Amino acid sequence: MPALVYLFLAIVSEVIGTSALKLSDGFSKPLPSVVVVAGYGLAFWLIAKSLRDIPIGTVYAIWSGLGTVGIVIVGVLVFEESLTIPRIAGIALIVAGVVMLNAFGAAT
C-alpha cells in the first residue's frame, strides 16, 4: 500500500479517536474509551508504516495539520461547535503552513 494511503488512513483514525475522546466523558464511558485507544493505536501504527517512504517532517506536518482540520470539521458537523471567522482563518493558516512545509521543505 502506498505511504500516502497509510498517512491518510492514520489521519482518519486519529480524527475518529479524538472524536471518541470527546464522547468518552473523561474515560468514564467504556465503549468510546476503547475507540480512543484503538483509534490512536491504529493511527500510530499507520504513521510508522508511512515513515518508511516519507520524511518524518512531512508526515508530521500533514498528519497534525489535516488532523486538526478534520477534527474542526467533525466538531462543527457532529458536536455543533461554531465556525467563526477566526477559526476559519486559523484553519487556512494551518493548511498554508502544511503546503509551505511540503513545497519548500525539500529545498533546504
PDB file of N, CA and C in Angstrom:
ATOM      1  N   MET A   1       0.855  -1.175   0.000  1.00  0.00           N
ATOM      2  CA  MET A   1       0.000   0.000   0.000  1.00  0.00           C
ATOM      3  C   MET A   1       0.900   1.236   0.000  1.00  0.00           C
ATOM      4  N   PRO A   2       0.586   2.253  -0.795  1.00  0.00           N
ATOM      5  CA  PRO A   2       1.420   3.458  -0.846  1.00  0.00           C
ATOM      6  C   PRO A   2       1.436   4.209   0.493  1.00  0.00           C
ATOM      7  N   ALA A   3       2.560   4.832   0.761  1.00  0.00           N
ATOM      8  CA  ALA A   3       2.762   5.525   2.031  1.00  0.00           C
ATOM      9  C   ALA A   3       1.725   6.627   2.258  1.00  0.00           C
ATOM     10  N   LEU A   4       1.331   7.316   1.204  1.00  0.00           N
ATOM     11  CA  LEU A   4       0.326   8.374   1.380  1.00  0.00           C
ATOM     12  C   LEU A   4      -1.028   7.813   1.785  1.00  0.00           C
ATOM     13  N   VAL A   5      -1.335   6.606   1.357  1.00  0.00           N
ATOM     14  CA  VAL A   5      -2.582   5.955   1.776  1.00  0.00           C
ATOM     15  C   VAL A   5      -2.513   5.645   3.270  1.00  0.00           C
ATOM     16  N   TYR A   6      -1.368   5.103   3.726  1.00  0.00           N
ATOM     17  CA  TYR A   6      -1.185   4.866   5.161  1.00  0.00           C
ATOM     18  C   TYR A   6      -1.366   6.167   5.944  1.00  0.00           C
ATOM     19  N   LEU A   7      -0.786   7.238   5.426  1.00  0.00           N
ATOM     20  CA  LEU A   7      -0.878   8.521   6.127  1.00  0.00           C
ATOM     21  C   LEU A   7      -2.320   9.017   6.170  1.00  0.00           C
ATOM     22  N   PHE A   8      -3.040   8.921   5.061  1.00  0.00           N
ATOM     23  CA  PHE A   8      -4.436   9.340   5.041  1.00  0.00           C
ATOM     24  C   PHE A   8      -5.266   8.525   6.027  1.00  0.00           C
ATOM     25  N   LEU A   9      -5.057   7.216   6.050  1.00  0.00           N
ATOM     26  CA  LEU A   9      -5.793   6.364   6.989  1.00  0.00           C
ATOM     27  C   LEU A   9      -5.423   6.683   8.439  1.00  0.00           C
ATOM     28  N   ALA A  10      -4.171   7.063   8.673  1.00  0.00           N
ATOM     29  CA  ALA A  10      -3.748   7.472  10.019  1.00  0.00           C
ATOM     30  C   ALA A  10      -4.491   8.724  10.454  1.00  0.00           C
ATOM     31  N   ILE A  11      -4.665   9.653   9.536  1.00  0.00           N
ATOM     32  CA  ILE A  11      -5.399  10.892   9.851  1.00  0.00           C
ATOM     33  C   ILE A  11      -6.852  10.568  10.190  1.00  0.00           C
ATOM     34  N   VAL A  12      -7.474   9.731   9.387  1.00  0.00           N
ATOM     35  CA  VAL A  12      -8.868   9.339   9.646  1.00  0.00           C
ATOM     36  C   VAL A  12      -8.977   8.646  11.003  1.00  0.00           C
ATOM     37  N   SER A  13      -8.052   7.747  11.291  1.00  0.00           N
ATOM     38  CA  SER A  13      -8.059   7.018  12.562  1.00  0.00           C
ATOM     39  C   SER A  13      -7.878   7.957  13.747  1.00  0.00           C
ATOM     40  N   GLU A  14      -6.997   8.929  13.594  1.00  0.00           N
ATOM     41  CA  GLU A  14      -6.760   9.897  14.674  1.00  0.00           C
ATOM     42  C   GLU A  14      -7.992  10.773  14.898  1.00  0.00           C
ATOM     43  N   VAL A  15      -8.647  11.178  13.842  1.00  0.00           N
ATOM     44  CA  VAL A  15      -9.858  12.001  13.973  1.00  0.00           C
ATOM     45  C   VAL A  15     -10.970  11.193  14.653  1.00  0.00           C
ATOM     46  N   ILE A  16     -11.087   9.928  14.311  1.00  0.00           N
ATOM     47  CA  ILE A  16     -12.074   9.061  14.976  1.00  0.00           C
ATOM     48  C   ILE A  16     -11.730   8.926  16.458  1.00  0.00           C
ATOM     49  N   GLY A  17     -10.451   8.695  16.763  1.00  0.00           N
ATOM     50  CA  GLY A  17     -10.026   8.575  18.162  1.00  0.00           C
ATOM     51  C   GLY A  17     -10.277   9.848  18.956  1.00  0.00           C
ATOM     52  N   THR A  18     -10.006  10.985  18.346  1.00  0.00           N
ATOM     53  CA  THR A  18     -10.224  12.258  19.032  1.00  0.00           C
ATOM     54  C   THR A  18     -11.711  12.524  19.240  1.00  0.00           C
ATOM     55  N   SER A  19     -12.525  12.173  18.253  1.00  0.00           N
ATOM     56  CA  SER A  19     -13.978  12.325  18.409  1.00  0.00           C
ATOM     57  C   SER A  19     -14.490  11.448  19.543  1.00  0.00           C
ATOM     58  N   ALA A  20     -13.978  10.227  19.618  1.00  0.00           N
ATOM     59  CA  ALA A  20     -14.373   9.324  20.706  1.00  0.00           C
ATOM     60  C   ALA A  20     -13.889   9.843  22.052  1.00  0.00           C
ATOM     61  N   LEU A  21     -12.765  10.545  22.059  1.00  0.00           N
ATOM     62  CA  LEU A  21     -12.262  11.130  23.304  1.00  0.00           C
ATOM     63  C   LEU A  21     -13.279  12.106  23.886  1.00  0.00           C
ATOM     64  N   LYS A  22     -13.873  12.899  23.020  1.00  0.00           N
ATOM     65  CA  LYS A  22     -14.928  13.822  23.463  1.00  0.00           C
ATOM     66  C   LYS A  22     -16.117  13.037  24.022  1.00  0.00           C
ATOM     67  N   LEU A  23     -16.477  11.941  23.366  1.00  0.00           N
ATOM     68  CA  LEU A  23     -17.624  11.136  23.789  1.00  0.00           C
ATOM     69  C   LEU A  23     -17.350  10.282  25.023  1.00  0.00           C
ATOM     70  N   SER A  24     -16.068  10.064  25.347  1.00  0.00           N
ATOM     71  CA  SER A  24     -15.723   9.173  26.464  1.00  0.00           C
ATOM     72  C   SER A  24     -16.007   9.791  27.828  1.00  0.00           C
ATOM     73  N   ASP A  25     -16.243  11.094  27.863  1.00  0.00           N
ATOM     74  CA  ASP A  25     -16.545  11.796  29.115  1.00  0.00           C
ATOM     75  C   ASP A  25     -15.472  11.503  30.173  1.00  0.00           C
ATOM     76  N   GLY A  26     -14.228  11.827  29.783  1.00  0.00           N
ATOM     77  CA  GLY A  26     -13.125  11.624  30.714  1.00  0.00           C
ATOM     78  C   GLY A  26     -12.820  10.159  30.970  1.00  0.00           C
ATOM     79  N   PHE A  27     -12.998   9.333  29.961  1.00  0.00           N
ATOM     80  CA  PHE A  27     -12.793   7.881  30.037  1.00  0.00           C
ATOM     81  C   PHE A  27     -13.749   7.201  31.026  1.00  0.00           C
ATOM     82  N   SER A  28     -14.902   7.809  31.260  1.00  0.00           N
ATOM     83  CA  SER A  28     -15.885   7.185  32.145  1.00  0.00           C
ATOM     84  C   SER A  28     -16.873   6.303  31.379  1.00  0.00           C
ATOM     85  N   LYS A  29     -16.876   6.380  30.061  1.00  0.00           N
ATOM     86  CA  LYS A  29     -17.757   5.543  29.235  1.00  0.00           C
ATOM     87  C   LYS A  29     -16.888   4.525  28.496  1.00  0.00           C
ATOM     88  N   PRO A  30     -17.133   3.238  28.739  1.00  0.00           N
ATOM     89  CA  PRO A  30     -16.238   2.202  28.218  1.00  0.00           C
ATOM     90  C   PRO A  30     -16.108   2.144  26.686  1.00  0.00           C
ATOM     91  N   LEU A  31     -17.205   2.137  25.958  1.00  0.00           N
ATOM     92  CA  LEU A  31     -17.116   1.968  24.509  1.00  0.00           C
ATOM     93  C   LEU A  31     -16.335   3.098  23.837  1.00  0.00           C
ATOM     94  N   PRO A  32     -16.671   4.364  24.086  1.00  0.00           N
ATOM     95  CA  PRO A  32     -15.859   5.418  23.474  1.00  0.00           C
ATOM     96  C   PRO A  32     -14.398   5.373  23.926  1.00  0.00           C
ATOM     97  N   SER A  33     -14.153   4.946  25.159  1.00  0.00           N
ATOM     98  CA  SER A  33     -12.779   4.850  25.659  1.00  0.00           C
ATOM     99  C   SER A  33     -11.984   3.809  24.876  1.00  0.00           C
ATOM    100  N   VAL A  34     -12.613   2.691  24.549  1.00  0.00           N
ATOM    101  CA  VAL A  34     -11.956   1.656  23.747  1.00  0.00           C
ATOM    102  C   VAL A  34     -11.675   2.190  22.341  1.00  0.00           C
ATOM    103  N   VAL A  35     -12.614   2.945  21.786  1.00  0.00           N
ATOM    104  CA  VAL A  35     -12.426   3.524  20.447  1.00  0.00           C
ATOM    105  C   VAL A  35     -11.257   4.508  20.459  1.00  0.00           C
ATOM    106  N   VAL A  36     -11.098   5.272  21.536  1.00  0.00           N
ATOM    107  CA  VAL A  36      -9.965   6.200  21.657  1.00  0.00           C
ATOM    108  C   VAL A  36      -8.648   5.440  21.554  1.00  0.00           C
ATOM    109  N   VAL A  37      -8.501   4.420  22.373  1.00  0.00           N
ATOM    110  CA  VAL A  37      -7.250   3.646  22.405  1.00  0.00           C
ATOM    111  C   VAL A  37      -7.011   2.966  21.054  1.00  0.00           C
ATOM    112  N   ALA A  38      -8.044   2.371  20.489  1.00  0.00           N
ATOM    113  CA  ALA A  38      -7.904   1.700  19.193  1.00  0.00           C
ATOM    114  C   ALA A  38      -7.588   2.709  18.087  1.00  0.00           C
ATOM    115  N   GLY A  39      -8.275   3.843  18.102  1.00  0.00           N
ATOM    116  CA  GLY A  39      -8.059   4.863  17.073  1.00  0.00           C
ATOM    117  C   GLY A  39      -6.646   5.408  17.089  1.00  0.00           C
ATOM    118  N   TYR A  40      -6.162   5.757  18.277  1.00  0.00           N
ATOM    119  CA  TYR A  40      -4.800   6.283  18.366  1.00  0.00           C
ATOM    120  C   TYR A  40      -3.762   5.195  18.107  1.00  0.00           C
ATOM    121  N   GLY A  41      -4.014   3.995  18.596  1.00  0.00           N
ATOM    122  CA  GLY A  41      -3.081   2.896  18.334  1.00  0.00           C
ATOM    123  C   GLY A  41      -2.942   2.627  16.845  1.00  0.00           C
ATOM    124  N   LEU A  42      -4.067   2.558  16.146  1.00  0.00           N
ATOM    125  CA  LEU A  42      -4.052   2.341  14.709  1.00  0.00           C
ATOM    126  C   LEU A  42      -3.374   3.509  13.991  1.00  0.00           C
ATOM    127  N   ALA A  43      -3.664   4.731  14.441  1.00  0.00           N
ATOM    128  CA  ALA A  43      -3.057   5.908  13.809  1.00  0.00           C
ATOM    129  C   ALA A  43      -1.536   5.864  13.908  1.00  0.00           C
ATOM    130  N   PHE A  44      -1.009   5.531  15.072  1.00  0.00           N
ATOM    131  CA  PHE A  44       0.447   5.490  15.234  1.00  0.00           C
ATOM    132  C   PHE A  44       1.061   4.355  14.416  1.00  0.00           C
ATOM    133  N   TRP A  45       0.384   3.216  14.330  1.00  0.00           N
ATOM    134  CA  TRP A  45       0.889   2.114  13.521  1.00  0.00           C
ATOM    135  C   TRP A  45       0.932   2.515  12.042  1.00  0.00           C
ATOM    136  N   LEU A  46      -0.135   3.176  11.584  1.00  0.00           N
ATOM    137  CA  LEU A  46      -0.183   3.621  10.192  1.00  0.00           C
ATOM    138  C   LEU A  46       0.855   4.698   9.904  1.00  0.00           C
ATOM    139  N   ILE A  47       1.075   5.594  10.858  1.00  0.00           N
ATOM    140  CA  ILE A  47       2.116   6.614  10.685  1.00  0.00           C
ATOM    141  C   ILE A  47       3.481   5.940  10.563  1.00  0.00           C
ATOM    142  N   ALA A  48       3.724   4.961  11.402  1.00  0.00           N
ATOM    143  CA  ALA A  48       5.001   4.236  11.342  1.00  0.00           C
ATOM    144  C   ALA A  48       5.196   3.610   9.965  1.00  0.00           C
ATOM    145  N   LYS A  49       4.124   3.067   9.395  1.00  0.00           N
ATOM    146  CA  LYS A  49       4.213   2.486   8.056  1.00  0.00           C
ATOM    147  C   LYS A  49       4.524   3.564   7.009  1.00  0.00           C
ATOM    148  N   SER A  50       3.909   4.729   7.142  1.00  0.00           N
ATOM    149  CA  SER A  50       4.140   5.797   6.161  1.00  0.00           C
ATOM    150  C   SER A  50       5.557   6.353   6.258  1.00  0.00           C
ATOM    151  N   LEU A  51       6.160   6.276   7.449  1.00  0.00           N
ATOM    152  CA  LEU A  51       7.512   6.803   7.643  1.00  0.00           C
ATOM    153  C   LEU A  51       8.580   5.993   6.916  1.00  0.00           C
ATOM    154  N   ARG A  52       8.226   4.840   6.406  1.00  0.00           N
ATOM    155  CA  ARG A  52       9.174   4.053   5.618  1.00  0.00           C
ATOM    156  C   ARG A  52       9.562   4.777   4.330  1.00  0.00           C
ATOM    157  N   ASP A  53       8.623   5.576   3.797  1.00  0.00           N
ATOM    158  CA  ASP A  53       8.848   6.203   2.488  1.00  0.00           C
ATOM    159  C   ASP A  53       8.716   7.723   2.470  1.00  0.00           C
ATOM    160  N   ILE A  54       8.213   8.314   3.537  1.00  0.00           N
ATOM    161  CA  ILE A  54       8.005   9.764   3.576  1.00  0.00           C
ATOM    162  C   ILE A  54       8.818  10.324   4.740  1.00  0.00           C
ATOM    163  N   PRO A  55       9.514  11.454   4.547  1.00  0.00           N
ATOM    164  CA  PRO A  55      10.288  12.048   5.644  1.00  0.00           C
ATOM    165  C   PRO A  55       9.406  12.397   6.842  1.00  0.00           C
ATOM    166  N   ILE A  56       9.969  12.279   8.034  1.00  0.00           N
ATOM    167  CA  ILE A  56       9.206  12.475   9.266  1.00  0.00           C
ATOM    168  C   ILE A  56       8.598  13.872   9.369  1.00  0.00           C
ATOM    169  N   GLY A  57       9.329  14.894   8.934  1.00  0.00           N
ATOM    170  CA  GLY A  57       8.782  16.261   8.989  1.00  0.00           C
ATOM    171  C   GLY A  57       7.553  16.421   8.116  1.00  0.00           C
ATOM    172  N   THR A  58       7.599  15.796   6.963  1.00  0.00           N
ATOM    173  CA  THR A  58       6.463  15.850   6.042  1.00  0.00           C
ATOM    174  C   THR A  58       5.273  15.091   6.616  1.00  0.00           C
ATOM    175  N   VAL A  59       5.534  13.889   7.130  1.00  0.00           N
ATOM    176  CA  VAL A  59       4.456  13.091   7.726  1.00  0.00           C
ATOM    177  C   VAL A  59       3.799  13.856   8.861  1.00  0.00           C
ATOM    178  N   TYR A  60       4.605  14.399   9.759  1.00  0.00           N
ATOM    179  CA  TYR A  60       4.035  15.052  10.929  1.00  0.00           C
ATOM    180  C   TYR A  60       3.282  16.326  10.544  1.00  0.00           C
ATOM    181  N   ALA A  61       3.813  17.081   9.589  1.00  0.00           N
ATOM    182  CA  ALA A  61       3.120  18.301   9.156  1.00  0.00           C
ATOM    183  C   ALA A  61       1.752  17.970   8.565  1.00  0.00           C
ATOM    184  N   ILE A  62       1.717  16.972   7.703  1.00  0.00           N
ATOM    185  CA  ILE A  62       0.445  16.588   7.081  1.00  0.00           C
ATOM    186  C   ILE A  62      -0.498  15.993   8.111  1.00  0.00           C
ATOM    187  N   TRP A  63       0.005  15.079   8.942  1.00  0.00           N
ATOM    188  CA  TRP A  63      -0.837  14.408   9.936  1.00  0.00           C
ATOM    189  C   TRP A  63      -1.434  15.405  10.932  1.00  0.00           C
ATOM    190  N   SER A  64      -0.601  16.246  11.496  1.00  0.00           N
ATOM    191  CA  SER A  64      -1.113  17.170  12.505  1.00  0.00           C
ATOM    192  C   SER A  64      -1.995  18.244  11.876  1.00  0.00           C
ATOM    193  N   GLY A  65      -1.599  18.759  10.717  1.00  0.00           N
ATOM    194  CA  GLY A  65      -2.385  19.811  10.074  1.00  0.00           C
ATOM    195  C   GLY A  65      -3.737  19.329   9.600  1.00  0.00           C
ATOM    196  N   LEU A  66      -3.746  18.240   8.833  1.00  0.00           N
ATOM    197  CA  LEU A  66      -5.021  17.741   8.318  1.00  0.00           C
ATOM    198  C   LEU A  66      -5.861  17.094   9.413  1.00  0.00           C
ATOM    199  N   GLY A  67      -5.200  16.528  10.423  1.00  0.00           N
ATOM    200  CA  GLY A  67      -5.940  16.012  11.571  1.00  0.00           C
ATOM    201  C   GLY A  67      -6.669  17.120  12.311  1.00  0.00           C
ATOM    202  N   THR A  68      -5.992  18.256  12.465  1.00  0.00           N
ATOM    203  CA  THR A  68      -6.621  19.410  13.117  1.00  0.00           C
ATOM    204  C   THR A  68      -7.809  19.907  12.303  1.00  0.00           C
ATOM    205  N   VAL A  69      -7.612  20.047  11.015  1.00  0.00           N
ATOM    206  CA  VAL A  69      -8.714  20.478  10.144  1.00  0.00           C
ATOM    207  C   VAL A  69      -9.867  19.467  10.210  1.00  0.00           C
ATOM    208  N   GLY A  70      -9.536  18.191  10.183  1.00  0.00           N
ATOM    209  CA  GLY A  70     -10.567  17.159  10.247  1.00  0.00           C
ATOM    210  C   GLY A  70     -11.373  17.206  11.525  1.00  0.00           C
ATOM    211  N   ILE A  71     -10.706  17.384  12.647  1.00  0.00           N
ATOM    212  CA  ILE A  71     -11.437  17.398  13.916  1.00  0.00           C
ATOM    213  C   ILE A  71     -12.248  18.684  14.078  1.00  0.00           C
ATOM    214  N   VAL A  72     -11.800  19.778  13.478  1.00  0.00           N
ATOM    215  CA  VAL A  72     -12.617  21.001  13.491  1.00  0.00           C
ATOM    216  C   VAL A  72     -13.899  20.763  12.695  1.00  0.00           C
ATOM    217  N   ILE A  73     -13.777  20.113  11.553  1.00  0.00           N
ATOM    218  CA  ILE A  73     -14.959  19.804  10.742  1.00  0.00           C
ATOM    219  C   ILE A  73     -15.915  18.893  11.513  1.00  0.00           C
ATOM    220  N   VAL A  74     -15.376  17.866  12.170  1.00  0.00           N
ATOM    221  CA  VAL A  74     -16.225  16.976  12.985  1.00  0.00           C
ATOM    222  C   VAL A  74     -16.873  17.770  14.113  1.00  0.00           C
ATOM    223  N   GLY A  75     -16.119  18.659  14.733  1.00  0.00           N
ATOM    224  CA  GLY A  75     -16.670  19.484  15.817  1.00  0.00           C
ATOM    225  C   GLY A  75     -17.859  20.309  15.356  1.00  0.00           C
ATOM    226  N   VAL A  76     -17.750  20.870  14.170  1.00  0.00           N
ATOM    227  CA  VAL A  76     -18.840  21.693  13.629  1.00  0.00           C
ATOM    228  C   VAL A  76     -20.037  20.822  13.240  1.00  0.00           C
ATOM    229  N   LEU A  77     -19.774  19.724  12.526  1.00  0.00           N
ATOM    230  CA  LEU A  77     -20.865  18.904  11.996  1.00  0.00           C
ATOM    231  C   LEU A  77     -21.512  17.987  13.036  1.00  0.00           C
ATOM    232  N   VAL A  78     -20.717  17.440  13.960  1.00  0.00           N
ATOM    233  CA  VAL A  78     -21.235  16.450  14.902  1.00  0.00           C
ATOM    234  C   VAL A  78     -21.536  17.053  16.269  1.00  0.00           C
ATOM    235  N   PHE A  79     -20.615  17.886  16.749  1.00  0.00           N
ATOM    236  CA  PHE A  79     -20.756  18.416  18.106  1.00  0.00           C
ATOM    237  C   PHE A  79     -21.327  19.830  18.145  1.00  0.00           C
ATOM    238  N   GLU A  80     -21.767  20.318  16.986  1.00  0.00           N
ATOM    239  CA  GLU A  80     -22.436  21.615  16.858  1.00  0.00           C
ATOM    240  C   GLU A  80     -21.608  22.769  17.403  1.00  0.00           C
ATOM    241  N   GLU A  81     -20.297  22.713  17.197  1.00  0.00           N
ATOM    242  CA  GLU A  81     -19.420  23.817  17.573  1.00  0.00           C
ATOM    243  C   GLU A  81     -19.533  24.902  16.511  1.00  0.00           C
ATOM    244  N   SER A  82     -19.278  26.126  16.892  1.00  0.00           N
ATOM    245  CA  SER A  82     -19.427  27.225  15.940  1.00  0.00           C
ATOM    246  C   SER A  82     -18.191  27.344  15.056  1.00  0.00           C
ATOM    247  N   LEU A  83     -18.407  27.801  13.846  1.00  0.00           N
ATOM    248  CA  LEU A  83     -17.327  28.038  12.901  1.00  0.00           C
ATOM    249  C   LEU A  83     -17.252  29.545  12.683  1.00  0.00           C
ATOM    250  N   THR A  84     -16.364  30.175  13.412  1.00  0.00           N
ATOM    251  CA  THR A  84     -16.231  31.628  13.368  1.00  0.00           C
ATOM    252  C   THR A  84     -15.150  32.039  12.367  1.00  0.00           C
ATOM    253  N   ILE A  85     -15.124  33.311  12.068  1.00  0.00           N
ATOM    254  CA  ILE A  85     -14.106  33.847  11.157  1.00  0.00           C
ATOM    255  C   ILE A  85     -12.696  33.565  11.684  1.00  0.00           C
ATOM    256  N   PRO A  86     -12.408  33.790  12.976  1.00  0.00           N
ATOM    257  CA  PRO A  86     -11.064  33.460  13.460  1.00  0.00           C
ATOM    258  C   PRO A  86     -10.718  31.972  13.323  1.00  0.00           C
ATOM    259  N   ARG A  87     -11.676  31.090  13.532  1.00  0.00           N
ATOM    260  CA  ARG A  87     -11.416  29.649  13.361  1.00  0.00           C
ATOM    261  C   ARG A  87     -11.144  29.320  11.902  1.00  0.00           C
ATOM    262  N   ILE A  88     -11.903  29.907  10.996  1.00  0.00           N
ATOM    263  CA  ILE A  88     -11.675  29.699   9.562  1.00  0.00           C
ATOM    264  C   ILE A  88     -10.285  30.207   9.182  1.00  0.00           C
ATOM    265  N   ALA A  89      -9.913  31.371   9.693  1.00  0.00           N
ATOM    266  CA  ALA A  89      -8.581  31.920   9.405  1.00  0.00           C
ATOM    267  C   ALA A  89      -7.487  31.003   9.960  1.00  0.00           C
ATOM    268  N   GLY A  90      -7.700  30.474  11.143  1.00  0.00           N
ATOM    269  CA  GLY A  90      -6.730  29.555  11.734  1.00  0.00           C
ATOM    270  C   GLY A  90      -6.553  28.295  10.902  1.00  0.00           C
ATOM    271  N   ILE A  91      -7.663  27.751  10.429  1.00  0.00           N
ATOM    272  CA  ILE A  91      -7.604  26.566   9.574  1.00  0.00           C
ATOM    273  C   ILE A  91      -6.850  26.888   8.286  1.00  0.00           C
ATOM    274  N   ALA A  92      -7.134  28.050   7.703  1.00  0.00           N
ATOM    275  CA  ALA A  92      -6.442  28.447   6.476  1.00  0.00           C
ATOM    276  C   ALA A  92      -4.937  28.574   6.717  1.00  0.00           C
ATOM    277  N   LEU A  93      -4.551  29.106   7.870  1.00  0.00           N
ATOM    278  CA  LEU A  93      -3.127  29.226   8.184  1.00  0.00           C
ATOM    279  C   LEU A  93      -2.473  27.860   8.380  1.00  0.00           C
ATOM    280  N   ILE A  94      -3.190  26.935   9.001  1.00  0.00           N
ATOM    281  CA  ILE A  94      -2.654  25.580   9.175  1.00  0.00           C
ATOM    282  C   ILE A  94      -2.428  24.927   7.812  1.00  0.00           C
ATOM    283  N   VAL A  95      -3.425  25.013   6.943  1.00  0.00           N
ATOM    284  CA  VAL A  95      -3.294  24.422   5.609  1.00  0.00           C
ATOM    285  C   VAL A  95      -2.156  25.099   4.844  1.00  0.00           C
ATOM    286  N   ALA A  96      -2.061  26.412   4.932  1.00  0.00           N
ATOM    287  CA  ALA A  96      -0.969  27.123   4.254  1.00  0.00           C
ATOM    288  C   ALA A  96       0.391  26.679   4.797  1.00  0.00           C
ATOM    289  N   GLY A  97       0.475  26.487   6.096  1.00  0.00           N
ATOM    290  CA  GLY A  97       1.724  26.022   6.695  1.00  0.00           C
ATOM    291  C   GLY A  97       2.117  24.643   6.212  1.00  0.00           C
ATOM    292  N   VAL A  98       1.160  23.738   6.139  1.00  0.00           N
ATOM    293  CA  VAL A  98       1.444  22.386   5.641  1.00  0.00           C
ATOM    294  C   VAL A  98       1.901  22.449   4.184  1.00  0.00           C
ATOM    295  N   VAL A  99       1.224  23.253   3.389  1.00  0.00           N
ATOM    296  CA  VAL A  99       1.604  23.389   1.977  1.00  0.00           C
ATOM    297  C   VAL A  99       3.015  23.955   1.865  1.00  0.00           C
ATOM    298  N   MET A 100       3.325  24.978   2.639  1.00  0.00           N
ATOM    299  CA  MET A 100       4.661  25.585   2.575  1.00  0.00           C
ATOM    300  C   MET A 100       5.743  24.610   3.020  1.00  0.00           C
ATOM    301  N   LEU A 101       5.486  23.880   4.091  1.00  0.00           N
ATOM    302  CA  LEU A 101       6.473  22.903   4.550  1.00  0.00           C
ATOM    303  C   LEU A 101       6.741  21.841   3.490  1.00  0.00           C
ATOM    304  N   ASN A 102       5.697  21.414   2.824  1.00  0.00           N
ATOM    305  CA  ASN A 102       5.868  20.386   1.796  1.00  0.00           C
ATOM    306  C   ASN A 102       6.447  20.941   0.500  1.00  0.00           C
ATOM    307  N   ALA A 103       6.079  22.147   0.156  1.00  0.00           N
ATOM    308  CA  ALA A 103       6.560  22.732  -1.094  1.00  0.00           C
ATOM    309  C   ALA A 103       8.012  23.167  -1.006  1.00  0.00           C
ATOM    310  N   PHE A 104       8.415  23.692   0.147  1.00  0.00           N
ATOM    311  CA  PHE A 104       9.747  24.272   0.262  1.00  0.00           C
ATOM    312  C   PHE A 104      10.662  23.514   1.204  1.00  0.00           C
ATOM    313  N   GLY A 105      10.147  22.518   1.899  1.00  0.00           N
ATOM    314  CA  GLY A 105      10.957  21.782   2.865  1.00  0.00           C
ATOM    315  C   GLY A 105      12.094  21.009   2.238  1.00  0.00           C
ATOM    316  N   ALA A 106      11.896  20.476   1.051  1.00  0.00           N
ATOM    317  CA  ALA A 106      12.926  19.666   0.403  1.00  0.00           C
ATOM    318  C   ALA A 106      14.076  20.515  -0.116  1.00  0.00           C
ATOM    319  N   ALA A 107      13.844  21.814  -0.279  1.00  0.00           N
ATOM    320  CA  ALA A 107      14.882  22.686  -0.835  1.00  0.00           C
ATOM    321  C   ALA A 107      15.940  23.056   0.197  1.00  0.00           C
ATOM    322  N   THR A 108      15.673  22.844   1.467  1.00  0.00           N
ATOM    323  CA  THR A 108      16.638  23.243   2.489  1.00  0.00           C
ATOM    324  C   THR A 108      17.577  22.134   2.858  1.00  0.00           C
TER     325      THR A 108
END
